[in-house]
Amino acid sequence: MQHYGYAENKPALLKRLSRVEGQVRGVSKMVEEDKYCIDILTQVSAAKAALDKVALELLRDHARHCLSNDHVHSRGEGDKADELVIAIGRML
């Protein structure tokens, strides 16, 4: 079984994702209940911020694990750096 950089942080990541899932369900409920637009937008912004934190944690874990000299990877060193830059670009 292949282990990714987030393996050690997996329980914390899953906990964060569960919270985000709850936030998104809450936004859906707010829409169903015809809540005030600004209040819904505030909650959408909070959910996006929480997902951004998950993404940053994954990037940190990737950088620590996959870009370390100890990690054996079939691609060259330059390719690993490119992969990280592409991942950051997706976030932006």
PDB file of N, CA and C in Angstrom:
ATOM      1  N   MET A   1       0.841  -1.188   0.000  1.00  0.00           N
ATOM      2  CA  MET A   1       0.000   0.000   0.000  1.00  0.00           C
ATOM      3  C   MET A   1       0.878   1.242   0.000  1.00  0.00           C
ATOM      4  N   GLN A   2       0.563   2.175  -0.865  1.00  0.00           N
ATOM      5  CA  GLN A   2       1.340   3.403  -0.974  1.00  0.00           C
ATOM      6  C   GLN A   2       0.894   4.389   0.100  1.00  0.00           C
ATOM      7  N   HIS A   3       1.864   5.008   0.768  1.00  0.00           N
ATOM      8  CA  HIS A   3       1.554   6.025   1.771  1.00  0.00           C
ATOM      9  C   HIS A   3       1.884   7.387   1.211  1.00  0.00           C
ATOM     10  N   TYR A   4       0.947   8.286   1.348  1.00  0.00           N
ATOM     11  CA  TYR A   4       1.152   9.648   0.880  1.00  0.00           C
ATOM     12  C   TYR A   4       1.611  10.507   2.044  1.00  0.00           C
ATOM     13  N   GLY A   5       2.016  11.723   1.733  1.00  0.00           N
ATOM     14  CA  GLY A   5       2.558  12.623   2.739  1.00  0.00           C
ATOM     15  C   GLY A   5       1.599  12.945   3.867  1.00  0.00           C
ATOM     16  N   TYR A   6       0.312  12.834   3.615  1.00  0.00           N
ATOM     17  CA  TYR A   6      -0.667  13.181   4.641  1.00  0.00           C
ATOM     18  C   TYR A   6      -1.005  12.012   5.562  1.00  0.00           C
ATOM     19  N   ALA A   7      -0.349  10.870   5.391  1.00  0.00           N
ATOM     20  CA  ALA A   7      -0.700   9.671   6.155  1.00  0.00           C
ATOM     21  C   ALA A   7      -0.716   9.926   7.668  1.00  0.00           C
ATOM     22  N   GLU A   8       0.289  10.618   8.169  1.00  0.00           N
ATOM     23  CA  GLU A   8       0.349  10.878   9.614  1.00  0.00           C
ATOM     24  C   GLU A   8      -0.701  11.890  10.055  1.00  0.00           C
ATOM     25  N   ASN A   9      -1.115  12.754   9.152  1.00  0.00           N
ATOM     26  CA  ASN A   9      -2.046  13.826   9.452  1.00  0.00           C
ATOM     27  C   ASN A   9      -3.480  13.465   9.039  1.00  0.00           C
ATOM     28  N   LYS A  10      -3.672  12.242   8.566  1.00  0.00           N
ATOM     29  CA  LYS A  10      -4.962  11.828   8.007  1.00  0.00           C
ATOM     30  C   LYS A  10      -6.138  11.999   8.974  1.00  0.00           C
ATOM     31  N   PRO A  11      -6.033  11.575  10.228  1.00  0.00           N
ATOM     32  CA  PRO A  11      -7.176  11.756  11.136  1.00  0.00           C
ATOM     33  C   PRO A  11      -7.569  13.223  11.303  1.00  0.00           C
ATOM     34  N   ALA A  12      -6.600  14.109  11.417  1.00  0.00           N
ATOM     35  CA  ALA A  12      -6.890  15.535  11.564  1.00  0.00           C
ATOM     36  C   ALA A  12      -7.531  16.093  10.296  1.00  0.00           C
ATOM     37  N   LEU A  13      -7.029  15.652   9.139  1.00  0.00           N
ATOM     38  CA  LEU A  13      -7.606  16.107   7.875  1.00  0.00           C
ATOM     39  C   LEU A  13      -9.053  15.644   7.743  1.00  0.00           C
ATOM     40  N   LEU A  14      -9.313  14.398   8.087  1.00  0.00           N
ATOM     41  CA  LEU A  14     -10.682  13.880   8.006  1.00  0.00           C
ATOM     42  C   LEU A  14     -11.618  14.617   8.961  1.00  0.00           C
ATOM     43  N   LYS A  15     -11.105  14.975  10.130  1.00  0.00           N
ATOM     44  CA  LYS A  15     -11.908  15.729  11.094  1.00  0.00           C
ATOM     45  C   LYS A  15     -12.253  17.110  10.524  1.00  0.00           C
ATOM     46  N   ARG A  16     -11.261  17.776   9.922  1.00  0.00           N
ATOM     47  CA  ARG A  16     -11.502  19.080   9.306  1.00  0.00           C
ATOM     48  C   ARG A  16     -12.524  18.963   8.175  1.00  0.00           C
ATOM     49  N   LEU A  17     -12.365  17.932   7.353  1.00  0.00           N
ATOM     50  CA  LEU A  17     -13.284  17.743   6.230  1.00  0.00           C
ATOM     51  C   LEU A  17     -14.706  17.454   6.705  1.00  0.00           C
ATOM     52  N   SER A  18     -14.833  16.740   7.793  1.00  0.00           N
ATOM     53  CA  SER A  18     -16.175  16.491   8.359  1.00  0.00           C
ATOM     54  C   SER A  18     -16.819  17.803   8.801  1.00  0.00           C
ATOM     55  N   ARG A  19     -16.008  18.686   9.399  1.00  0.00           N
ATOM     56  CA  ARG A  19     -16.533  19.989   9.797  1.00  0.00           C
ATOM     57  C   ARG A  19     -16.972  20.801   8.586  1.00  0.00           C
ATOM     58  N   VAL A  20     -16.164  20.764   7.526  1.00  0.00           N
ATOM     59  CA  VAL A  20     -16.517  21.488   6.302  1.00  0.00           C
ATOM     60  C   VAL A  20     -17.814  20.928   5.736  1.00  0.00           C
ATOM     61  N   GLU A  21     -17.924  19.619   5.743  1.00  0.00           N
ATOM     62  CA  GLU A  21     -19.145  18.976   5.249  1.00  0.00           C
ATOM     63  C   GLU A  21     -20.358  19.466   6.033  1.00  0.00           C
ATOM     64  N   GLY A  22     -20.211  19.575   7.342  1.00  0.00           N
ATOM     65  CA  GLY A  22     -21.293  20.095   8.173  1.00  0.00           C
ATOM     66  C   GLY A  22     -21.621  21.545   7.846  1.00  0.00           C
ATOM     67  N   GLN A  23     -20.570  22.338   7.581  1.00  0.00           N
ATOM     68  CA  GLN A  23     -20.793  23.734   7.212  1.00  0.00           C
ATOM     69  C   GLN A  23     -21.584  23.830   5.906  1.00  0.00           C
ATOM     70  N   VAL A  24     -21.228  23.013   4.935  1.00  0.00           N
ATOM     71  CA  VAL A  24     -21.910  23.052   3.640  1.00  0.00           C
ATOM     72  C   VAL A  24     -23.365  22.603   3.795  1.00  0.00           C
ATOM     73  N   ARG A  25     -23.592  21.585   4.598  1.00  0.00           N
ATOM     74  CA  ARG A  25     -24.981  21.178   4.864  1.00  0.00           C
ATOM     75  C   ARG A  25     -25.756  22.308   5.526  1.00  0.00           C
ATOM     76  N   GLY A  26     -25.070  23.037   6.413  1.00  0.00           N
ATOM     77  CA  GLY A  26     -25.701  24.179   7.067  1.00  0.00           C
ATOM     78  C   GLY A  26     -26.070  25.272   6.075  1.00  0.00           C
ATOM     79  N   VAL A  27     -25.212  25.496   5.091  1.00  0.00           N
ATOM     80  CA  VAL A  27     -25.508  26.490   4.052  1.00  0.00           C
ATOM     81  C   VAL A  27     -26.733  26.052   3.258  1.00  0.00           C
ATOM     82  N   SER A  28     -26.797  24.779   2.908  1.00  0.00           N
ATOM     83  CA  SER A  28     -27.968  24.270   2.182  1.00  0.00           C
ATOM     84  C   SER A  28     -29.237  24.484   2.983  1.00  0.00           C
ATOM     85  N   LYS A  29     -29.170  24.214   4.270  1.00  0.00           N
ATOM     86  CA  LYS A  29     -30.339  24.389   5.142  1.00  0.00           C
ATOM     87  C   LYS A  29     -30.740  25.858   5.199  1.00  0.00           C
ATOM     88  N   MET A  30     -29.742  26.751   5.246  1.00  0.00           N
ATOM     89  CA  MET A  30     -30.048  28.182   5.268  1.00  0.00           C
ATOM     90  C   MET A  30     -30.799  28.598   4.004  1.00  0.00           C
ATOM     91  N   VAL A  31     -30.377  28.058   2.860  1.00  0.00           N
ATOM     92  CA  VAL A  31     -31.053  28.378   1.602  1.00  0.00           C
ATOM     93  C   VAL A  31     -32.471  27.815   1.625  1.00  0.00           C
ATOM     94  N   GLU A  32     -32.612  26.565   2.069  1.00  0.00           N
ATOM     95  CA  GLU A  32     -33.946  25.952   2.149  1.00  0.00           C
ATOM     96  C   GLU A  32     -34.873  26.769   3.039  1.00  0.00           C
ATOM     97  N   GLU A  33     -34.316  27.338   4.105  1.00  0.00           N
ATOM     98  CA  GLU A  33     -35.121  28.093   5.065  1.00  0.00           C
ATOM     99  C   GLU A  33     -35.228  29.582   4.715  1.00  0.00           C
ATOM    100  N   ASP A  34     -34.762  29.940   3.514  1.00  0.00           N
ATOM    101  CA  ASP A  34     -34.849  31.328   3.043  1.00  0.00           C
ATOM    102  C   ASP A  34     -34.206  32.333   3.988  1.00  0.00           C
ATOM    103  N   LYS A  35     -33.013  32.030   4.454  1.00  0.00           N
ATOM    104  CA  LYS A  35     -32.285  32.944   5.331  1.00  0.00           C
ATOM    105  C   LYS A  35     -31.755  34.132   4.533  1.00  0.00           C
ATOM    106  N   TYR A  36     -31.322  35.137   5.242  1.00  0.00           N
ATOM    107  CA  TYR A  36     -30.816  36.376   4.662  1.00  0.00           C
ATOM    108  C   TYR A  36     -29.555  36.100   3.834  1.00  0.00           C
ATOM    109  N   CYS A  37     -29.488  36.688   2.641  1.00  0.00           N
ATOM    110  CA  CYS A  37     -28.401  36.438   1.683  1.00  0.00           C
ATOM    111  C   CYS A  37     -27.016  36.657   2.287  1.00  0.00           C
ATOM    112  N   ILE A  38     -26.863  37.754   2.996  1.00  0.00           N
ATOM    113  CA  ILE A  38     -25.553  38.087   3.555  1.00  0.00           C
ATOM    114  C   ILE A  38     -25.117  37.031   4.576  1.00  0.00           C
ATOM    115  N   ASP A  39     -26.053  36.532   5.355  1.00  0.00           N
ATOM    116  CA  ASP A  39     -25.729  35.477   6.316  1.00  0.00           C
ATOM    117  C   ASP A  39     -25.274  34.202   5.605  1.00  0.00           C
ATOM    118  N   ILE A  40     -25.929  33.871   4.500  1.00  0.00           N
ATOM    119  CA  ILE A  40     -25.540  32.694   3.718  1.00  0.00           C
ATOM    120  C   ILE A  40     -24.154  32.903   3.129  1.00  0.00           C
ATOM    121  N   LEU A  41     -23.910  34.078   2.571  1.00  0.00           N
ATOM    122  CA  LEU A  41     -22.590  34.372   1.994  1.00  0.00           C
ATOM    123  C   LEU A  41     -21.486  34.292   3.044  1.00  0.00           C
ATOM    124  N   THR A  42     -21.786  34.724   4.243  1.00  0.00           N
ATOM    125  CA  THR A  42     -20.815  34.636   5.340  1.00  0.00           C
ATOM    126  C   THR A  42     -20.452  33.176   5.614  1.00  0.00           C
ATOM    127  N   GLN A  43     -21.446  32.314   5.613  1.00  0.00           N
ATOM    128  CA  GLN A  43     -21.202  30.897   5.858  1.00  0.00           C
ATOM    129  C   GLN A  43     -20.467  30.234   4.689  1.00  0.00           C
ATOM    130  N   VAL A  44     -20.783  30.649   3.465  1.00  0.00           N
ATOM    131  CA  VAL A  44     -20.060  30.135   2.292  1.00  0.00           C
ATOM    132  C   VAL A  44     -18.590  30.523   2.402  1.00  0.00           C
ATOM    133  N   SER A  45     -18.329  31.753   2.789  1.00  0.00           N
ATOM    134  CA  SER A  45     -16.956  32.227   2.950  1.00  0.00           C
ATOM    135  C   SER A  45     -16.217  31.426   4.023  1.00  0.00           C
ATOM    136  N   ALA A  46     -16.896  31.120   5.114  1.00  0.00           N
ATOM    137  CA  ALA A  46     -16.288  30.325   6.186  1.00  0.00           C
ATOM    138  C   ALA A  46     -15.957  28.911   5.702  1.00  0.00           C
ATOM    139  N   ALA A  47     -16.852  28.318   4.922  1.00  0.00           N
ATOM    140  CA  ALA A  47     -16.606  26.970   4.393  1.00  0.00           C
ATOM    141  C   ALA A  47     -15.424  26.981   3.423  1.00  0.00           C
ATOM    142  N   LYS A  48     -15.352  28.003   2.583  1.00  0.00           N
ATOM    143  CA  LYS A  48     -14.229  28.119   1.651  1.00  0.00           C
ATOM    144  C   LYS A  48     -12.913  28.271   2.415  1.00  0.00           C
ATOM    145  N   ALA A  49     -12.914  29.079   3.459  1.00  0.00           N
ATOM    146  CA  ALA A  49     -11.708  29.273   4.261  1.00  0.00           C
ATOM    147  C   ALA A  49     -11.279  27.962   4.920  1.00  0.00           C
ATOM    148  N   ALA A  50     -12.242  27.194   5.392  1.00  0.00           N
ATOM    149  CA  ALA A  50     -11.931  25.903   6.011  1.00  0.00           C
ATOM    150  C   ALA A  50     -11.336  24.941   4.992  1.00  0.00           C
ATOM    151  N   LEU A  51     -11.865  24.924   3.766  1.00  0.00           N
ATOM    152  CA  LEU A  51     -11.302  24.079   2.708  1.00  0.00           C
ATOM    153  C   LEU A  51      -9.895  24.540   2.329  1.00  0.00           C
ATOM    154  N   ASP A  52      -9.682  25.849   2.326  1.00  0.00           N
ATOM    155  CA  ASP A  52      -8.341  26.370   2.047  1.00  0.00           C
ATOM    156  C   ASP A  52      -7.340  25.881   3.089  1.00  0.00           C
ATOM    157  N   LYS A  53      -7.757  25.809   4.340  1.00  0.00           N
ATOM    158  CA  LYS A  53      -6.873  25.310   5.399  1.00  0.00           C
ATOM    159  C   LYS A  53      -6.531  23.836   5.165  1.00  0.00           C
ATOM    160  N   VAL A  54      -7.508  23.061   4.734  1.00  0.00           N
ATOM    161  CA  VAL A  54      -7.256  21.651   4.412  1.00  0.00           C
ATOM    162  C   VAL A  54      -6.237  21.569   3.277  1.00  0.00           C
ATOM    163  N   ALA A  55      -6.439  22.383   2.241  1.00  0.00           N
ATOM    164  CA  ALA A  55      -5.520  22.374   1.100  1.00  0.00           C
ATOM    165  C   ALA A  55      -4.106  22.756   1.527  1.00  0.00           C
ATOM    166  N   LEU A  56      -3.981  23.755   2.392  1.00  0.00           N
ATOM    167  CA  LEU A  56      -2.654  24.160   2.863  1.00  0.00           C
ATOM    168  C   LEU A  56      -1.978  23.052   3.666  1.00  0.00           C
ATOM    169  N   GLU A  57      -2.745  22.367   4.476  1.00  0.00           N
ATOM    170  CA  GLU A  57      -2.183  21.240   5.237  1.00  0.00           C
ATOM    171  C   GLU A  57      -1.689  20.146   4.284  1.00  0.00           C
ATOM    172  N   LEU A  58      -2.483  19.855   3.251  1.00  0.00           N
ATOM    173  CA  LEU A  58      -2.072  18.849   2.273  1.00  0.00           C
ATOM    174  C   LEU A  58      -0.799  19.284   1.545  1.00  0.00           C
ATOM    175  N   LEU A  59      -0.716  20.559   1.194  1.00  0.00           N
ATOM    176  CA  LEU A  59       0.497  21.064   0.542  1.00  0.00           C
ATOM    177  C   LEU A  59       1.702  20.964   1.468  1.00  0.00           C
ATOM    178  N   ARG A  60       1.515  21.314   2.731  1.00  0.00           N
ATOM    179  CA  ARG A  60       2.608  21.220   3.701  1.00  0.00           C
ATOM    180  C   ARG A  60       3.079  19.767   3.832  1.00  0.00           C
ATOM    181  N   ASP A  61       2.112  18.859   3.960  1.00  0.00           N
ATOM    182  CA  ASP A  61       2.466  17.442   4.077  1.00  0.00           C
ATOM    183  C   ASP A  61       3.163  16.950   2.815  1.00  0.00           C
ATOM    184  N   HIS A  62       2.688  17.388   1.663  1.00  0.00           N
ATOM    185  CA  HIS A  62       3.308  16.992   0.397  1.00  0.00           C
ATOM    186  C   HIS A  62       4.751  17.498   0.331  1.00  0.00           C
ATOM    187  N   ALA A  63       4.935  18.745   0.690  1.00  0.00           N
ATOM    188  CA  ALA A  63       6.282  19.324   0.643  1.00  0.00           C
ATOM    189  C   ALA A  63       7.222  18.590   1.593  1.00  0.00           C
ATOM    190  N   ARG A  64       6.753  18.304   2.785  1.00  0.00           N
ATOM    191  CA  ARG A  64       7.602  17.612   3.768  1.00  0.00           C
ATOM    192  C   ARG A  64       7.932  16.187   3.328  1.00  0.00           C
ATOM    193  N   HIS A  65       6.949  15.498   2.811  1.00  0.00           N
ATOM    194  CA  HIS A  65       7.121  14.084   2.480  1.00  0.00           C
ATOM    195  C   HIS A  65       7.665  13.871   1.065  1.00  0.00           C
ATOM    196  N   CYS A  66       6.962  14.376   0.103  1.00  0.00           N
ATOM    197  CA  CYS A  66       7.263  14.057  -1.290  1.00  0.00           C
ATOM    198  C   CYS A  66       8.459  14.823  -1.839  1.00  0.00           C
ATOM    199  N   LEU A  67       8.784  15.950  -1.244  1.00  0.00           N
ATOM    200  CA  LEU A  67       9.930  16.709  -1.725  1.00  0.00           C
ATOM    201  C   LEU A  67      11.181  16.476  -0.880  1.00  0.00           C
ATOM    202  N   SER A  68      11.063  15.646   0.148  1.00  0.00           N
ATOM    203  CA  SER A  68      12.234  15.365   0.978  1.00  0.00           C
ATOM    204  C   SER A  68      13.205  14.473   0.226  1.00  0.00           C
ATOM    205  N   ASN A  69      14.445  14.542   0.616  1.00  0.00           N
ATOM    206  CA  ASN A  69      15.475  13.719  -0.015  1.00  0.00           C
ATOM    207  C   ASN A  69      15.297  12.241   0.300  1.00  0.00           C
ATOM    208  N   ASP A  70      14.613  11.941   1.400  1.00  0.00           N
ATOM    209  CA  ASP A  70      14.408  10.549   1.805  1.00  0.00           C
ATOM    210  C   ASP A  70      13.338   9.848   0.974  1.00  0.00           C
ATOM    211  N   HIS A  71      12.472  10.620   0.357  1.00  0.00           N
ATOM    212  CA  HIS A  71      11.352  10.035  -0.381  1.00  0.00           C
ATOM    213  C   HIS A  71      11.817   9.583  -1.759  1.00  0.00           C
ATOM    214  N   VAL A  72      11.596   8.318  -2.031  1.00  0.00           N
ATOM    215  CA  VAL A  72      11.960   7.768  -3.337  1.00  0.00           C
ATOM    216  C   VAL A  72      10.773   7.939  -4.271  1.00  0.00           C
ATOM    217  N   HIS A  73      11.024   8.537  -5.408  1.00  0.00           N
ATOM    218  CA  HIS A  73       9.956   8.809  -6.371  1.00  0.00           C
ATOM    219  C   HIS A  73      10.507   8.523  -7.751  1.00  0.00           C
ATOM    220  N   SER A  74       9.666   8.060  -8.630  1.00  0.00           N
ATOM    221  CA  SER A  74      10.127   7.678  -9.963  1.00  0.00           C
ATOM    222  C   SER A  74      10.446   8.888 -10.834  1.00  0.00           C
ATOM    223  N   ARG A  75       9.938  10.038 -10.477  1.00  0.00           N
ATOM    224  CA  ARG A  75      10.197  11.221 -11.274  1.00  0.00           C
ATOM    225  C   ARG A  75      11.460  11.923 -10.788  1.00  0.00           C
ATOM    226  N   GLY A  76      11.961  12.823 -11.604  1.00  0.00           N
ATOM    227  CA  GLY A  76      13.145  13.581 -11.232  1.00  0.00           C
ATOM    228  C   GLY A  76      12.818  14.676 -10.239  1.00  0.00           C
ATOM    229  N   GLU A  77      13.849  15.257  -9.633  1.00  0.00           N
ATOM    230  CA  GLU A  77      13.664  16.303  -8.633  1.00  0.00           C
ATOM    231  C   GLU A  77      12.917  17.503  -9.204  1.00  0.00           C
ATOM    232  N   GLY A  78      13.257  17.925 -10.404  1.00  0.00           N
ATOM    233  CA  GLY A  78      12.586  19.062 -11.014  1.00  0.00           C
ATOM    234  C   GLY A  78      11.107  18.808 -11.196  1.00  0.00           C
ATOM    235  N   ASP A  79      10.762  17.587 -11.533  1.00  0.00           N
ATOM    236  CA  ASP A  79       9.358  17.255 -11.724  1.00  0.00           C
ATOM    237  C   ASP A  79       8.565  17.367 -10.420  1.00  0.00           C
ATOM    238  N   LYS A  80       9.180  17.020  -9.298  1.00  0.00           N
ATOM    239  CA  LYS A  80       8.496  17.129  -8.015  1.00  0.00           C
ATOM    240  C   LYS A  80       8.222  18.592  -7.679  1.00  0.00           C
ATOM    241  N   ALA A  81       9.186  19.447  -7.955  1.00  0.00           N
ATOM    242  CA  ALA A  81       8.990  20.874  -7.713  1.00  0.00           C
ATOM    243  C   ALA A  81       7.900  21.417  -8.631  1.00  0.00           C
ATOM    244  N   ASP A  82       7.903  20.996  -9.887  1.00  0.00           N
ATOM    245  CA  ASP A  82       6.865  21.422 -10.824  1.00  0.00           C
ATOM    246  C   ASP A  82       5.487  20.971 -10.353  1.00  0.00           C
ATOM    247  N   GLU A  83       5.426  19.753  -9.863  1.00  0.00           N
ATOM    248  CA  GLU A  83       4.164  19.223  -9.356  1.00  0.00           C
ATOM    249  C   GLU A  83       3.624  20.091  -8.204  1.00  0.00           C
ATOM    250  N   LEU A  84       4.507  20.518  -7.333  1.00  0.00           N
ATOM    251  CA  LEU A  84       4.101  21.364  -6.213  1.00  0.00           C
ATOM    252  C   LEU A  84       3.603  22.719  -6.709  1.00  0.00           C
ATOM    253  N   VAL A  85       4.311  23.293  -7.661  1.00  0.00           N
ATOM    254  CA  VAL A  85       3.895  24.590  -8.209  1.00  0.00           C
ATOM    255  C   VAL A  85       2.540  24.478  -8.896  1.00  0.00           C
ATOM    256  N   ILE A  86       2.318  23.413  -9.613  1.00  0.00           N
ATOM    257  CA  ILE A  86       1.027  23.192 -10.275  1.00  0.00           C
ATOM    258  C   ILE A  86      -0.086  23.072  -9.218  1.00  0.00           C
ATOM    259  N   ALA A  87       0.196  22.363  -8.132  1.00  0.00           N
ATOM    260  CA  ALA A  87      -0.798  22.207  -7.067  1.00  0.00           C
ATOM    261  C   ALA A  87      -1.123  23.562  -6.446  1.00  0.00           C
ATOM    262  N   ILE A  88      -0.115  24.384  -6.217  1.00  0.00           N
ATOM    263  CA  ILE A  88      -0.336  25.720  -5.669  1.00  0.00           C
ATOM    264  C   ILE A  88      -1.152  26.550  -6.658  1.00  0.00           C
ATOM    265  N   GLY A  89      -0.833  26.434  -7.936  1.00  0.00           N
ATOM    266  CA  GLY A  89      -1.586  27.152  -8.960  1.00  0.00           C
ATOM    267  C   GLY A  89      -3.063  26.791  -8.962  1.00  0.00           C
ATOM    268  N   ARG A  90      -3.365  25.544  -8.718  1.00  0.00           N
ATOM    269  CA  ARG A  90      -4.774  25.111  -8.657  1.00  0.00           C
ATOM    270  C   ARG A  90      -5.494  25.788  -7.508  1.00  0.00           C
ATOM    271  N   MET A  91      -4.779  25.986  -6.406  1.00  0.00           N
ATOM    272  CA  MET A  91      -5.381  26.626  -5.246  1.00  0.00           C
ATOM    273  C   MET A  91      -5.649  28.101  -5.494  1.00  0.00           C
ATOM    274  N   LEU A  92      -4.806  28.722  -6.287  1.00  0.00           N
ATOM    275  CA  LEU A  92      -4.972  30.155  -6.534  1.00  0.00           C
ATOM    276  C   LEU A  92      -6.050  30.354  -7.565  1.00  0.00           C
TER     277      LEU A  92
END
